[in-house]
Amino acid sequence: MTTQYGDRPTGQQPHSAPQGTATGNVLSIIAMVLGVISLLFFPIVFGVIALILAIIAKTVRHERLAVPALVVSAVGLIGGLLLGALLA
């Protein structure tokens, strides 16, 4: 910040709001774990929940691991469905 008398600094720091983005990856990690679990157990239940959590992590919370969580949950859902169809 400057004063009205020129470009001399006033000694005050500009106030910025704290950023709440990308601080925790809790939803992304839960989505990844559920995506892996959905490969073997109840892919419709665990895979869909994992996809929903990954989408929330990406759109609402802007987590860093949201894109890998989306991939893992989608692969877990589709892979679990295909594996279940092959073994049934």
Protein backbone atom coordinates (compact mmCIF):
# COMPACT_ATOMS: atom_id res chain seq x y z
CA MET A 1 0.00 0.00 0.00
CA THR A 2 1.14 3.51 -0.65
CA THR A 3 0.28 6.84 0.88
CA GLN A 4 -1.15 9.91 -0.77
CA TYR A 5 2.34 11.42 -0.64
CA GLY A 6 3.90 9.17 -3.26
CA ASP A 7 5.10 5.65 -3.55
CA ARG A 8 6.46 5.33 -0.05
CA PRO A 9 5.21 2.15 1.64
CA THR A 10 2.94 2.55 4.66
CA GLY A 11 4.18 -0.55 6.48
CA GLN A 12 0.80 -2.24 6.29
CA GLN A 13 0.35 -5.60 4.65
CA PRO A 14 -2.61 -6.09 2.31
CA HIS A 15 -5.29 -8.30 3.79
CA SER A 16 -6.15 -11.41 1.87
CA ALA A 17 -8.80 -13.96 2.71
CA PRO A 18 -7.51 -17.40 3.68
CA GLN A 19 -7.77 -19.91 0.90
CA GLY A 20 -9.69 -23.06 1.75
CA THR A 21 -8.76 -24.94 -1.39
CA ALA A 22 -6.49 -27.95 -1.78
CA THR A 23 -5.63 -28.13 1.90
CA GLY A 24 -6.95 -31.62 2.47
CA ASN A 25 -7.50 -34.52 0.17
CA VAL A 26 -9.84 -36.46 2.43
CA LEU A 27 -12.68 -36.98 -0.05
CA SER A 28 -10.26 -37.90 -2.83
CA ILE A 29 -8.52 -40.51 -0.71
CA ILE A 30 -11.84 -42.00 0.41
CA ALA A 31 -12.99 -42.10 -3.22
CA MET A 32 -9.80 -43.91 -4.26
CA VAL A 33 -10.15 -46.49 -1.50
CA LEU A 34 -13.79 -47.11 -2.37
CA GLY A 35 -12.87 -47.36 -6.06
CA VAL A 36 -10.34 -50.09 -5.33
CA ILE A 37 -12.81 -51.90 -3.06
CA SER A 38 -15.43 -51.75 -5.79
CA LEU A 39 -13.25 -53.95 -7.99
CA LEU A 40 -14.02 -56.90 -5.74
CA PHE A 41 -17.10 -56.11 -3.66
CA PHE A 42 -20.42 -54.59 -4.76
CA PRO A 43 -19.17 -52.41 -7.60
CA ILE A 44 -22.52 -50.71 -8.09
CA VAL A 45 -22.63 -49.50 -4.48
CA PHE A 46 -18.98 -48.69 -3.79
CA GLY A 47 -18.19 -47.49 -7.31
CA VAL A 48 -21.08 -45.05 -7.46
CA ILE A 49 -20.29 -43.69 -4.00
CA ALA A 50 -16.64 -43.31 -5.02
CA LEU A 51 -17.62 -41.43 -8.19
CA ILE A 52 -19.91 -39.08 -6.27
CA LEU A 53 -17.20 -38.33 -3.69
CA ALA A 54 -14.61 -37.74 -6.41
CA ILE A 55 -16.92 -35.35 -8.26
CA ILE A 56 -17.61 -33.43 -5.04
CA ALA A 57 -13.87 -33.32 -4.31
CA LYS A 58 -13.20 -31.86 -7.75
CA THR A 59 -16.04 -29.39 -8.16
CA VAL A 60 -16.72 -28.18 -4.63
CA ARG A 61 -13.49 -28.66 -2.68
CA HIS A 62 -10.93 -28.38 -5.55
CA GLU A 63 -8.71 -31.09 -4.10
CA ARG A 64 -5.41 -31.94 -5.78
CA LEU A 65 -6.07 -35.68 -5.92
CA ALA A 66 -9.58 -35.37 -7.34
CA VAL A 67 -8.70 -36.28 -10.93
CA PRO A 68 -6.84 -39.48 -9.97
CA ALA A 69 -9.74 -40.30 -7.65
CA LEU A 70 -12.16 -39.91 -10.57
CA VAL A 71 -10.06 -42.25 -12.69
CA VAL A 72 -9.66 -44.88 -9.95
CA SER A 73 -13.35 -44.82 -9.07
CA ALA A 74 -14.45 -45.07 -12.72
CA VAL A 75 -12.03 -47.94 -13.37
CA GLY A 76 -13.18 -49.64 -10.18
CA LEU A 77 -16.83 -49.31 -11.13
CA ILE A 78 -16.45 -50.49 -14.72
CA GLY A 79 -13.82 -53.10 -13.88
CA GLY A 80 -15.90 -54.48 -11.02
CA LEU A 81 -18.96 -54.74 -13.24
CA LEU A 82 -16.99 -56.50 -15.98
CA LEU A 83 -15.28 -58.82 -13.50
CA GLY A 84 -18.63 -59.67 -11.94
CA ALA A 85 -20.14 -60.38 -15.36
CA LEU A 86 -17.23 -62.65 -16.32
CA LEU A 87 -17.31 -64.62 -13.09
CA ALA A 88 -21.10 -64.97 -12.88
